[in-house]
């Protein structure tokens, strides 16, 4: 993927992007940010190589994405600014925004998970010739069984999978945190069966989830199928999709994995204080505070579990004021 920059910083952006390609696994995220800021700076009509904080604020406010994504993109610009400083080009950046604490993760109930998997499996029988529908049940099992992010799962190749020991190596991950993810024996068995699907061969080392041209399949294809299932099951209101409300979604499978893992650990006699650090590492979180968000799930379904979690985490995580 090549990008021709056009603003007054086109040479610096191109040089910086070459460096990022060599040092960052998920360099395409940087490319999207740099392409966007390049287009913005072009409209600013700059006559000298200098970036003011107010310009970045205007660019930042024009981003029609979540606050979390905005913060990620701003961190990319901050890194580019550091690069410009080595070239004696002055830049000033606004402070990184703080994330709000309003988000409450959605955790599927046991019945909801069962219904979702059953409907996904039924789609295969209804349209077996559809490759994406054949892939989808396997994708769901990896998301729920390993707690992967959707982008991490769709980036997997067969080179990342060791079926002999049941281990996934996540190479393209958020915050550039590569990690080793063990699978359960049952998930490993199912993935072995999936490996035998007609559209794979023994020598195939490409993507697990790919389109007919062999490229990684778009995440949007899976989102559409999953939203269809949630709406048909009555878990999600179709109007919420039109209005852009997140609610229950594919990422909720990751929340559900985390929450159910903690409950399972407690039922087996392991305290949450012992389990949370391991779970945080398994999920690829930067710290325990990121994992803490996953514990703020649906109190109505898991009242007893929440009381147990609250008792354990009250002194572990700082309380909001």
C-alpha atoms as a PDB file:
ATOM      1  CA  UNK A   1       0.000   0.000   0.000  1.00  0.00           C
ATOM      2  CA  UNK A   2       1.674   3.203  -1.196  1.00  0.00           C
ATOM      3  CA  UNK A   3       0.558   6.733  -0.390  1.00  0.00           C
ATOM      4  CA  UNK A   4       1.436   9.927  -2.221  1.00  0.00           C
ATOM      5  CA  UNK A   5       1.375  12.836   0.214  1.00  0.00           C
ATOM      6  CA  UNK A   6       0.582  16.293  -1.159  1.00  0.00           C
ATOM      7  CA  UNK A   7       0.851  18.845   1.656  1.00  0.00           C
ATOM      8  CA  UNK A   8       3.853  21.023   2.491  1.00  0.00           C
ATOM      9  CA  UNK A   9       5.018  18.141   4.721  1.00  0.00           C
ATOM     10  CA  UNK A  10       4.833  15.554   1.926  1.00  0.00           C
ATOM     11  CA  UNK A  11       8.554  14.706   2.036  1.00  0.00           C
ATOM     12  CA  UNK A  12       8.661  14.434   5.829  1.00  0.00           C
ATOM     13  CA  UNK A  13       5.502  12.328   5.905  1.00  0.00           C
ATOM     14  CA  UNK A  14       6.893   9.959   3.285  1.00  0.00           C
ATOM     15  CA  UNK A  15      10.221   9.562   5.123  1.00  0.00           C
ATOM     16  CA  UNK A  16       8.486   9.041   8.463  1.00  0.00           C
ATOM     17  CA  UNK A  17       6.143   6.455   6.911  1.00  0.00           C
ATOM     18  CA  UNK A  18       9.098   4.463   5.579  1.00  0.00           C
ATOM     19  CA  UNK A  19      10.529   4.340   9.104  1.00  0.00           C
ATOM     20  CA  UNK A  20       7.162   3.266  10.558  1.00  0.00           C
ATOM     21  CA  UNK A  21       6.859   0.437   8.043  1.00  0.00           C
ATOM     22  CA  UNK A  22      10.142  -0.981   9.330  1.00  0.00           C
ATOM     23  CA  UNK A  23       9.407  -0.569  13.036  1.00  0.00           C
ATOM     24  CA  UNK A  24       5.649  -1.019  13.535  1.00  0.00           C
ATOM     25  CA  UNK A  25       3.702  -4.186  12.740  1.00  0.00           C
ATOM     26  CA  UNK A  26       0.343  -2.479  12.244  1.00  0.00           C
ATOM     27  CA  UNK A  27       1.804   0.376  10.181  1.00  0.00           C
ATOM     28  CA  UNK A  28      -1.385   0.731   8.120  1.00  0.00           C
ATOM     29  CA  UNK A  29      -3.064   2.444  11.091  1.00  0.00           C
ATOM     30  CA  UNK A  30      -0.316   5.082  10.961  1.00  0.00           C
ATOM     31  CA  UNK A  31      -0.763   5.416   7.214  1.00  0.00           C
ATOM     32  CA  UNK A  32      -4.478   6.127   7.576  1.00  0.00           C
ATOM     33  CA  UNK A  33      -3.765   8.824  10.165  1.00  0.00           C
ATOM     34  CA  UNK A  34      -0.966  10.431   8.169  1.00  0.00           C
ATOM     35  CA  UNK A  35      -3.028  10.415   4.979  1.00  0.00           C
ATOM     36  CA  UNK A  36      -5.828  12.175   6.837  1.00  0.00           C
ATOM     37  CA  UNK A  37      -3.607  14.811   8.434  1.00  0.00           C
ATOM     38  CA  UNK A  38      -1.906  15.362   5.060  1.00  0.00           C
ATOM     39  CA  UNK A  39      -5.280  16.117   3.439  1.00  0.00           C
ATOM     40  CA  UNK A  40      -6.154  18.447   6.309  1.00  0.00           C
ATOM     41  CA  UNK A  41      -2.865  20.356   6.162  1.00  0.00           C
ATOM     42  CA  UNK A  42      -3.309  20.728   2.417  1.00  0.00           C
ATOM     43  CA  UNK A  43      -6.612  22.540   3.004  1.00  0.00           C
ATOM     44  CA  UNK A  44      -4.900  24.762   5.589  1.00  0.00           C
ATOM     45  CA  UNK A  45      -2.776  26.280   2.832  1.00  0.00           C
ATOM     46  CA  UNK A  46       0.428  26.362   4.882  1.00  0.00           C
ATOM     47  CA  UNK A  47       3.299  28.425   3.509  1.00  0.00           C
ATOM     48  CA  UNK A  48       5.901  27.288   6.045  1.00  0.00           C
ATOM     49  CA  UNK A  49       6.654  24.008   7.735  1.00  0.00           C
ATOM     50  CA  UNK A  50       5.132  24.632  11.133  1.00  0.00           C
ATOM     51  CA  UNK A  51       2.207  22.985  12.924  1.00  0.00           C
ATOM     52  CA  UNK A  52       0.243  24.820  15.627  1.00  0.00           C
ATOM     53  CA  UNK A  53      -1.780  23.170  18.387  1.00  0.00           C
ATOM     54  CA  UNK A  54      -4.937  24.953  17.198  1.00  0.00           C
ATOM     55  CA  UNK A  55      -4.561  23.345  13.784  1.00  0.00           C
ATOM     56  CA  UNK A  56      -4.358  19.893  15.357  1.00  0.00           C
ATOM     57  CA  UNK A  57      -7.418  20.690  17.479  1.00  0.00           C
ATOM     58  CA  UNK A  58      -9.403  21.607  14.352  1.00  0.00           C
ATOM     59  CA  UNK A  59      -8.282  18.394  12.673  1.00  0.00           C
ATOM     60  CA  UNK A  60      -9.047  16.407  15.826  1.00  0.00           C
ATOM     61  CA  UNK A  61     -12.564  17.842  16.173  1.00  0.00           C
ATOM     62  CA  UNK A  62     -13.308  16.978  12.552  1.00  0.00           C
ATOM     63  CA  UNK A  63     -12.665  13.254  13.111  1.00  0.00           C
ATOM     64  CA  UNK A  64     -15.968  11.360  12.998  1.00  0.00           C
ATOM     65  CA  UNK A  65     -14.724   8.409  15.051  1.00  0.00           C
ATOM     66  CA  UNK A  66     -14.825   7.301  18.684  1.00  0.00           C
ATOM     67  CA  UNK A  67     -12.804   9.139  21.314  1.00  0.00           C
ATOM     68  CA  UNK A  68     -10.603   6.078  21.730  1.00  0.00           C
ATOM     69  CA  UNK A  69      -9.749   6.114  18.006  1.00  0.00           C
ATOM     70  CA  UNK A  70      -9.167   9.860  18.120  1.00  0.00           C
ATOM     71  CA  UNK A  71      -6.713   9.372  20.946  1.00  0.00           C
ATOM     72  CA  UNK A  72      -4.901   6.662  19.015  1.00  0.00           C
ATOM     73  CA  UNK A  73      -4.631   8.876  15.945  1.00  0.00           C
ATOM     74  CA  UNK A  74      -3.399  11.789  18.019  1.00  0.00           C
ATOM     75  CA  UNK A  75      -0.665   9.542  19.422  1.00  0.00           C
ATOM     76  CA  UNK A  76       0.410   8.883  15.816  1.00  0.00           C
ATOM     77  CA  UNK A  77       0.622  12.629  15.202  1.00  0.00           C
ATOM     78  CA  UNK A  78       2.572  13.059  18.416  1.00  0.00           C
ATOM     79  CA  UNK A  79       5.115  10.543  17.173  1.00  0.00           C
ATOM     80  CA  UNK A  80       5.324  12.339  13.814  1.00  0.00           C
ATOM     81  CA  UNK A  81       5.833  15.594  15.712  1.00  0.00           C
ATOM     82  CA  UNK A  82       8.796  14.046  17.543  1.00  0.00           C
ATOM     83  CA  UNK A  83      10.229  13.072  14.167  1.00  0.00           C
ATOM     84  CA  UNK A  84       9.803  16.637  12.900  1.00  0.00           C
ATOM     85  CA  UNK A  85      11.634  17.911  15.989  1.00  0.00           C
ATOM     86  CA  UNK A  86      14.720  15.934  14.928  1.00  0.00           C
ATOM     87  CA  UNK A  87      14.590  17.924  11.678  1.00  0.00           C
ATOM     88  CA  UNK A  88      14.343  21.225  13.610  1.00  0.00           C
ATOM     89  CA  UNK A  89      10.742  21.730  12.484  1.00  0.00           C
ATOM     90  CA  UNK A  90       8.638  23.288  15.223  1.00  0.00           C
ATOM     91  CA  UNK A  91       5.286  21.778  16.168  1.00  0.00           C
ATOM     92  CA  UNK A  92       2.979  22.185  19.145  1.00  0.00           C
ATOM     93  CA  UNK A  93       0.339  19.644  20.081  1.00  0.00           C
ATOM     94  CA  UNK A  94      -2.692  19.745  22.400  1.00  0.00           C
ATOM     95  CA  UNK A  95      -2.844  17.419  25.379  1.00  0.00           C
ATOM     96  CA  UNK A  96      -4.176  13.913  24.763  1.00  0.00           C
ATOM     97  CA  UNK A  97      -7.874  13.733  25.686  1.00  0.00           C
ATOM     98  CA  UNK A  98      -8.927  11.674  28.650  1.00  0.00           C
ATOM     99  CA  UNK A  99     -11.255   8.779  28.013  1.00  0.00           C
ATOM    100  CA  UNK A 100     -14.652   9.023  29.612  1.00  0.00           C
ATOM    101  CA  UNK A 101     -15.772   6.352  32.043  1.00  0.00           C
ATOM    102  CA  UNK A 102     -19.290   6.130  30.596  1.00  0.00           C
ATOM    103  CA  UNK A 103     -18.773   3.006  28.503  1.00  0.00           C
ATOM    104  CA  UNK A 104     -20.314  -0.135  29.969  1.00  0.00           C
ATOM    105  CA  UNK A 105     -19.292  -3.354  28.190  1.00  0.00           C
ATOM    106  CA  UNK A 106     -22.048  -5.717  27.137  1.00  0.00           C
ATOM    107  CA  UNK A 107     -21.694  -9.321  28.281  1.00  0.00           C
ATOM    108  CA  UNK A 108     -23.834 -11.945  26.577  1.00  0.00           C
ATOM    109  CA  UNK A 109     -25.790 -14.332  28.753  1.00  0.00           C
ATOM    110  CA  UNK A 110     -25.233 -18.076  28.394  1.00  0.00           C
ATOM    111  CA  UNK A 111     -28.535 -18.399  26.527  1.00  0.00           C
ATOM    112  CA  UNK A 112     -27.618 -15.562  24.163  1.00  0.00           C
ATOM    113  CA  UNK A 113     -24.235 -17.131  23.368  1.00  0.00           C
ATOM    114  CA  UNK A 114     -25.898 -20.479  22.670  1.00  0.00           C
ATOM    115  CA  UNK A 115     -28.485 -18.904  20.379  1.00  0.00           C
ATOM    116  CA  UNK A 116     -25.845 -16.867  18.504  1.00  0.00           C
ATOM    117  CA  UNK A 117     -23.720 -19.942  17.810  1.00  0.00           C
ATOM    118  CA  UNK A 118     -26.721 -22.043  16.786  1.00  0.00           C
ATOM    119  CA  UNK A 119     -27.918 -19.436  14.299  1.00  0.00           C
ATOM    120  CA  UNK A 120     -24.405 -18.970  12.877  1.00  0.00           C
ATOM    121  CA  UNK A 121     -24.112 -22.736  12.401  1.00  0.00           C
ATOM    122  CA  UNK A 122     -27.533 -22.842  10.730  1.00  0.00           C
ATOM    123  CA  UNK A 123     -26.354 -20.270   8.182  1.00  0.00           C
ATOM    124  CA  UNK A 124     -23.827 -22.820   6.868  1.00  0.00           C
ATOM    125  CA  UNK A 125     -26.561 -25.369   6.145  1.00  0.00           C
ATOM    126  CA  UNK A 126     -28.734 -22.723   4.527  1.00  0.00           C
ATOM    127  CA  UNK A 127     -25.989 -21.435   2.197  1.00  0.00           C
ATOM    128  CA  UNK A 128     -23.080 -23.843   2.279  1.00  0.00           C
ATOM    129  CA  UNK A 129     -21.660 -22.386  -0.949  1.00  0.00           C
ATOM    130  CA  UNK A 130     -21.024 -19.061   0.804  1.00  0.00           C
ATOM    131  CA  UNK A 131     -17.449 -19.004   2.040  1.00  0.00           C
ATOM    132  CA  UNK A 132     -17.955 -16.091   4.422  1.00  0.00           C
ATOM    133  CA  UNK A 133     -20.828 -17.910   6.125  1.00  0.00           C
ATOM    134  CA  UNK A 134     -18.651 -21.010   6.378  1.00  0.00           C
ATOM    135  CA  UNK A 135     -15.868 -18.989   8.001  1.00  0.00           C
ATOM    136  CA  UNK A 136     -18.152 -17.132  10.380  1.00  0.00           C
ATOM    137  CA  UNK A 137     -18.820 -19.883  12.996  1.00  0.00           C
ATOM    138  CA  UNK A 138     -15.075 -20.526  13.260  1.00  0.00           C
ATOM    139  CA  UNK A 139     -14.390 -16.821  13.692  1.00  0.00           C
ATOM    140  CA  UNK A 140     -16.996 -16.617  16.467  1.00  0.00           C
ATOM    141  CA  UNK A 141     -15.392 -19.523  18.310  1.00  0.00           C
ATOM    142  CA  UNK A 142     -11.955 -17.891  18.181  1.00  0.00           C
ATOM    143  CA  UNK A 143     -13.326 -14.539  19.370  1.00  0.00           C
ATOM    144  CA  UNK A 144     -15.255 -16.084  22.247  1.00  0.00           C
ATOM    145  CA  UNK A 145     -12.781 -18.889  23.027  1.00  0.00           C
ATOM    146  CA  UNK A 146      -9.646 -16.710  23.071  1.00  0.00           C
ATOM    147  CA  UNK A 147     -10.976 -13.199  23.687  1.00  0.00           C
ATOM    148  CA  UNK A 148      -9.285 -11.821  20.577  1.00  0.00           C
ATOM    149  CA  UNK A 149     -10.162  -8.489  19.042  1.00  0.00           C
ATOM    150  CA  UNK A 150     -11.833  -8.828  15.638  1.00  0.00           C
ATOM    151  CA  UNK A 151      -8.881  -7.224  13.854  1.00  0.00           C
ATOM    152  CA  UNK A 152      -6.477  -9.618  15.572  1.00  0.00           C
ATOM    153  CA  UNK A 153      -8.523 -12.634  14.480  1.00  0.00           C
ATOM    154  CA  UNK A 154      -8.949 -11.530  10.870  1.00  0.00           C
ATOM    155  CA  UNK A 155      -5.191 -10.875  10.626  1.00  0.00           C
ATOM    156  CA  UNK A 156      -4.305 -14.454  11.573  1.00  0.00           C
ATOM    157  CA  UNK A 157      -2.498 -16.663   9.071  1.00  0.00           C
ATOM    158  CA  UNK A 158      -1.844 -20.386   9.360  1.00  0.00           C
ATOM    159  CA  UNK A 159       1.780 -19.506  10.165  1.00  0.00           C
ATOM    160  CA  UNK A 160       0.453 -17.941  13.381  1.00  0.00           C
ATOM    161  CA  UNK A 161      -1.255 -21.161  14.483  1.00  0.00           C
ATOM    162  CA  UNK A 162       0.469 -24.137  16.116  1.00  0.00           C
ATOM    163  CA  UNK A 163      -2.194 -26.831  16.087  1.00  0.00           C
ATOM    164  CA  UNK A 164       0.168 -29.406  17.585  1.00  0.00           C
ATOM    165  CA  UNK A 165       0.155 -27.586  20.941  1.00  0.00           C
ATOM    166  CA  UNK A 166      -2.932 -25.405  20.532  1.00  0.00           C
ATOM    167  CA  UNK A 167      -1.319 -21.963  20.537  1.00  0.00           C
ATOM    168  CA  UNK A 168      -2.033 -18.777  18.575  1.00  0.00           C
ATOM    169  CA  UNK A 169       0.624 -16.103  18.096  1.00  0.00           C
ATOM    170  CA  UNK A 170      -1.034 -12.696  17.788  1.00  0.00           C
ATOM    171  CA  UNK A 171       1.391 -10.591  15.775  1.00  0.00           C
ATOM    172  CA  UNK A 172      -0.818  -7.663  14.764  1.00  0.00           C
ATOM    173  CA  UNK A 173      -2.362  -6.317  17.944  1.00  0.00           C
ATOM    174  CA  UNK A 174      -3.460  -3.080  19.530  1.00  0.00           C
ATOM    175  CA  UNK A 175      -0.621  -1.056  21.109  1.00  0.00           C
ATOM    176  CA  UNK A 176       1.846  -3.261  19.181  1.00  0.00           C
ATOM    177  CA  UNK A 177       1.654  -5.839  21.986  1.00  0.00           C
ATOM    178  CA  UNK A 178       2.349  -9.187  20.353  1.00  0.00           C
ATOM    179  CA  UNK A 179       1.389 -12.134  22.533  1.00  0.00           C
ATOM    180  CA  UNK A 180       0.990 -15.904  22.771  1.00  0.00           C
ATOM    181  CA  UNK A 181      -2.601 -17.122  23.249  1.00  0.00           C
ATOM    182  CA  UNK A 182      -3.209 -20.756  24.302  1.00  0.00           C
ATOM    183  CA  UNK A 183      -6.429 -22.375  23.064  1.00  0.00           C
ATOM    184  CA  UNK A 184      -8.596 -24.940  24.772  1.00  0.00           C
ATOM    185  CA  UNK A 185      -8.325 -28.519  23.522  1.00  0.00           C
ATOM    186  CA  UNK A 186     -11.863 -28.327  22.123  1.00  0.00           C
ATOM    187  CA  UNK A 187     -11.176 -25.125  20.196  1.00  0.00           C
ATOM    188  CA  UNK A 188      -7.951 -26.641  18.861  1.00  0.00           C
ATOM    189  CA  UNK A 189      -9.913 -29.698  17.691  1.00  0.00           C
ATOM    190  CA  UNK A 190     -12.494 -27.541  15.915  1.00  0.00           C
ATOM    191  CA  UNK A 191      -9.771 -25.421  14.287  1.00  0.00           C
ATOM    192  CA  UNK A 192      -8.152 -28.635  13.059  1.00  0.00           C
ATOM    193  CA  UNK A 193     -11.441 -29.574  11.380  1.00  0.00           C
ATOM    194  CA  UNK A 194     -11.713 -26.099   9.886  1.00  0.00           C
ATOM    195  CA  UNK A 195      -8.178 -26.532   8.496  1.00  0.00           C
ATOM    196  CA  UNK A 196      -9.524 -29.439   6.445  1.00  0.00           C
ATOM    197  CA  UNK A 197     -12.113 -27.274   4.669  1.00  0.00           C
ATOM    198  CA  UNK A 198     -12.086 -27.573   0.842  1.00  0.00           C
ATOM    199  CA  UNK A 199     -10.789 -24.020   0.344  1.00  0.00           C
ATOM    200  CA  UNK A 200      -7.543 -24.815   2.225  1.00  0.00           C
ATOM    201  CA  UNK A 201      -4.790 -27.241   1.276  1.00  0.00           C
ATOM    202  CA  UNK A 202      -1.965 -28.735   3.307  1.00  0.00           C
ATOM    203  CA  UNK A 203       0.600 -26.204   2.082  1.00  0.00           C
ATOM    204  CA  UNK A 204      -1.676 -23.214   2.606  1.00  0.00           C
ATOM    205  CA  UNK A 205      -0.129 -20.592   4.894  1.00  0.00           C
ATOM    206  CA  UNK A 206      -2.454 -17.707   4.019  1.00  0.00           C
ATOM    207  CA  UNK A 207      -5.154 -15.999   6.062  1.00  0.00           C
ATOM    208  CA  UNK A 208      -7.618 -18.074   8.056  1.00  0.00           C
ATOM    209  CA  UNK A 209     -10.395 -15.705   7.028  1.00  0.00           C
ATOM    210  CA  UNK A 210     -10.003 -14.384   3.505  1.00  0.00           C
ATOM    211  CA  UNK A 211     -11.878 -13.413   0.378  1.00  0.00           C
ATOM    212  CA  UNK A 212     -11.757 -15.253  -2.942  1.00  0.00           C
ATOM    213  CA  UNK A 213      -8.632 -13.360  -4.033  1.00  0.00           C
ATOM    214  CA  UNK A 214      -6.744 -14.612  -0.966  1.00  0.00           C
ATOM    215  CA  UNK A 215      -6.639 -11.262   0.818  1.00  0.00           C
ATOM    216  CA  UNK A 216      -7.745 -10.724   4.391  1.00  0.00           C
ATOM    217  CA  UNK A 217     -11.512 -10.408   4.470  1.00  0.00           C
ATOM    218  CA  UNK A 218     -13.019  -7.082   5.452  1.00  0.00           C
ATOM    219  CA  UNK A 219     -14.205  -6.891   9.048  1.00  0.00           C
ATOM    220  CA  UNK A 220     -17.384  -5.217   7.811  1.00  0.00           C
ATOM    221  CA  UNK A 221     -18.588  -8.462   6.223  1.00  0.00           C
ATOM    222  CA  UNK A 222     -18.605 -10.143   9.637  1.00  0.00           C
ATOM    223  CA  UNK A 223     -20.161  -7.168  11.397  1.00  0.00           C
ATOM    224  CA  UNK A 224     -23.116  -7.293   9.005  1.00  0.00           C
ATOM    225  CA  UNK A 225     -23.710 -11.013   9.617  1.00  0.00           C
ATOM    226  CA  UNK A 226     -23.393 -10.622  13.375  1.00  0.00           C
ATOM    227  CA  UNK A 227     -25.764  -7.648  13.504  1.00  0.00           C
ATOM    228  CA  UNK A 228     -28.282  -9.643  11.450  1.00  0.00           C
ATOM    229  CA  UNK A 229     -28.112 -12.459  14.008  1.00  0.00           C
ATOM    230  CA  UNK A 230     -28.486 -10.092  16.981  1.00  0.00           C
ATOM    231  CA  UNK A 231     -31.496  -8.394  15.400  1.00  0.00           C
ATOM    232  CA  UNK A 232     -33.200 -11.678  14.504  1.00  0.00           C
ATOM    233  CA  UNK A 233     -32.689 -12.954  18.052  1.00  0.00           C
ATOM    234  CA  UNK A 234     -34.026  -9.714  19.512  1.00  0.00           C
ATOM    235  CA  UNK A 235     -30.758  -8.983  21.314  1.00  0.00           C
ATOM    236  CA  UNK A 236     -30.237  -5.776  19.355  1.00  0.00           C
ATOM    237  CA  UNK A 237     -32.727  -3.270  18.017  1.00  0.00           C
ATOM    238  CA  UNK A 238     -32.273  -2.701  14.259  1.00  0.00           C
ATOM    239  CA  UNK A 239     -32.787   1.016  14.833  1.00  0.00           C
ATOM    240  CA  UNK A 240     -29.687   1.158  17.035  1.00  0.00           C
ATOM    241  CA  UNK A 241     -27.587   0.095  14.035  1.00  0.00           C
ATOM    242  CA  UNK A 242     -29.011   2.892  11.903  1.00  0.00           C
ATOM    243  CA  UNK A 243     -28.281   5.442  14.599  1.00  0.00           C
ATOM    244  CA  UNK A 244     -24.730   4.217  15.186  1.00  0.00           C
ATOM    245  CA  UNK A 245     -25.317   3.017  18.762  1.00  0.00           C
ATOM    246  CA  UNK A 246     -22.802   0.337  19.696  1.00  0.00           C
ATOM    247  CA  UNK A 247     -24.516  -1.776  22.363  1.00  0.00           C
ATOM    248  CA  UNK A 248     -24.093  -5.543  21.923  1.00  0.00           C
ATOM    249  CA  UNK A 249     -21.657  -6.212  19.072  1.00  0.00           C
ATOM    250  CA  UNK A 250     -18.832  -8.539  18.013  1.00  0.00           C
ATOM    251  CA  UNK A 251     -16.434  -6.908  20.487  1.00  0.00           C
ATOM    252  CA  UNK A 252     -18.867  -7.975  23.211  1.00  0.00           C
ATOM    253  CA  UNK A 253     -17.600 -11.527  22.667  1.00  0.00           C
ATOM    254  CA  UNK A 254     -14.248 -10.342  24.047  1.00  0.00           C
ATOM    255  CA  UNK A 255     -16.001  -8.779  27.043  1.00  0.00           C
ATOM    256  CA  UNK A 256     -17.929 -12.003  27.567  1.00  0.00           C
ATOM    257  CA  UNK A 257     -14.759 -14.108  27.400  1.00  0.00           C
ATOM    258  CA  UNK A 258     -13.075 -11.922  30.026  1.00  0.00           C
ATOM    259  CA  UNK A 259     -16.034 -11.888  32.378  1.00  0.00           C
ATOM    260  CA  UNK A 260     -16.729 -15.604  32.080  1.00  0.00           C
ATOM    261  CA  UNK A 261     -13.028 -16.364  32.607  1.00  0.00           C
ATOM    262  CA  UNK A 262     -13.085 -14.513  35.913  1.00  0.00           C
ATOM    263  CA  UNK A 263     -16.254 -16.271  37.043  1.00  0.00           C
ATOM    264  CA  UNK A 264     -14.801 -19.654  36.070  1.00  0.00           C
ATOM    265  CA  UNK A 265     -11.583 -18.906  37.971  1.00  0.00           C
ATOM    266  CA  UNK A 266     -13.556 -18.019  41.102  1.00  0.00           C
ATOM    267  CA  UNK A 267     -15.663 -21.178  40.843  1.00  0.00           C
ATOM    268  CA  UNK A 268     -12.446 -23.231  40.683  1.00  0.00           C
ATOM    269  CA  UNK A 269     -11.076 -21.628  43.829  1.00  0.00           C
ATOM    270  CA  UNK A 270      -8.743 -19.020  42.302  1.00  0.00           C
ATOM    271  CA  UNK A 271      -9.193 -15.486  43.602  1.00  0.00           C
ATOM    272  CA  UNK A 272      -9.734 -12.562  41.252  1.00  0.00           C
ATOM    273  CA  UNK A 273      -6.633 -10.873  42.674  1.00  0.00           C
ATOM    274  CA  UNK A 274      -4.633 -13.838  41.379  1.00  0.00           C
ATOM    275  CA  UNK A 275      -6.475 -14.129  38.074  1.00  0.00           C
ATOM    276  CA  UNK A 276      -6.784 -10.517  36.870  1.00  0.00           C
ATOM    277  CA  UNK A 277      -3.040  -9.959  36.133  1.00  0.00           C
ATOM    278  CA  UNK A 278      -2.886 -13.151  34.070  1.00  0.00           C
ATOM    279  CA  UNK A 279      -6.121 -12.281  32.255  1.00  0.00           C
ATOM    280  CA  UNK A 280      -4.851  -8.763  31.555  1.00  0.00           C
ATOM    281  CA  UNK A 281      -1.712 -10.208  29.940  1.00  0.00           C
ATOM    282  CA  UNK A 282      -3.716 -12.806  28.010  1.00  0.00           C
ATOM    283  CA  UNK A 283      -5.953 -10.081  26.578  1.00  0.00           C
ATOM    284  CA  UNK A 284      -2.992  -7.905  25.619  1.00  0.00           C
ATOM    285  CA  UNK A 285      -4.024  -5.009  27.860  1.00  0.00           C
ATOM    286  CA  UNK A 286      -1.515  -2.285  28.712  1.00  0.00           C
ATOM    287  CA  UNK A 287      -2.445  -2.399  32.369  1.00  0.00           C
ATOM    288  CA  UNK A 288      -4.954  -3.570  34.968  1.00  0.00           C
ATOM    289  CA  UNK A 289      -7.041  -0.409  34.619  1.00  0.00           C
ATOM    290  CA  UNK A 290      -7.866  -1.395  31.050  1.00  0.00           C
ATOM    291  CA  UNK A 291      -9.010  -4.794  32.302  1.00  0.00           C
ATOM    292  CA  UNK A 292     -11.095  -3.109  34.988  1.00  0.00           C
ATOM    293  CA  UNK A 293     -13.466  -1.767  32.310  1.00  0.00           C
ATOM    294  CA  UNK A 294     -14.347  -5.336  31.372  1.00  0.00           C
ATOM    295  CA  UNK A 295     -15.698  -5.956  34.861  1.00  0.00           C
ATOM    296  CA  UNK A 296     -18.393  -3.273  34.571  1.00  0.00           C
ATOM    297  CA  UNK A 297     -20.820  -5.544  32.767  1.00  0.00           C
ATOM    298  CA  UNK A 298     -24.538  -6.298  33.006  1.00  0.00           C
ATOM    299  CA  UNK A 299     -25.405  -6.258  36.697  1.00  0.00           C
ATOM    300  CA  UNK A 300     -28.899  -7.607  36.086  1.00  0.00           C
ATOM    301  CA  UNK A 301     -27.613 -10.904  34.706  1.00  0.00           C
ATOM    302  CA  UNK A 302     -24.620 -11.391  36.967  1.00  0.00           C
ATOM    303  CA  UNK A 303     -25.618  -9.855  40.301  1.00  0.00           C
ATOM    304  CA  UNK A 304     -23.864 -12.458  42.458  1.00  0.00           C
ATOM    305  CA  UNK A 305     -20.750 -12.395  40.293  1.00  0.00           C
ATOM    306  CA  UNK A 306     -20.582  -8.608  40.470  1.00  0.00           C
ATOM    307  CA  UNK A 307     -20.694  -8.657  44.246  1.00  0.00           C
ATOM    308  CA  UNK A 308     -17.789 -11.097  44.328  1.00  0.00           C
ATOM    309  CA  UNK A 309     -15.818  -9.053  41.781  1.00  0.00           C
ATOM    310  CA  UNK A 310     -16.526  -5.789  43.611  1.00  0.00           C
ATOM    311  CA  UNK A 311     -15.288  -7.259  46.877  1.00  0.00           C
ATOM    312  CA  UNK A 312     -12.016  -8.309  45.251  1.00  0.00           C
ATOM    313  CA  UNK A 313     -11.409  -5.213  43.116  1.00  0.00           C
ATOM    314  CA  UNK A 314     -12.432  -2.474  45.543  1.00  0.00           C
ATOM    315  CA  UNK A 315      -8.891  -2.076  46.841  1.00  0.00           C
ATOM    316  CA  UNK A 316      -7.176  -3.127  43.596  1.00  0.00           C
ATOM    317  CA  UNK A 317      -8.445  -0.399  41.276  1.00  0.00           C
ATOM    318  CA  UNK A 318      -8.657   3.317  42.169  1.00  0.00           C
ATOM    319  CA  UNK A 319     -12.227   4.452  42.768  1.00  0.00           C
ATOM    320  CA  UNK A 320     -13.700   7.166  40.529  1.00  0.00           C
ATOM    321  CA  UNK A 321     -14.516  10.501  42.118  1.00  0.00           C
END
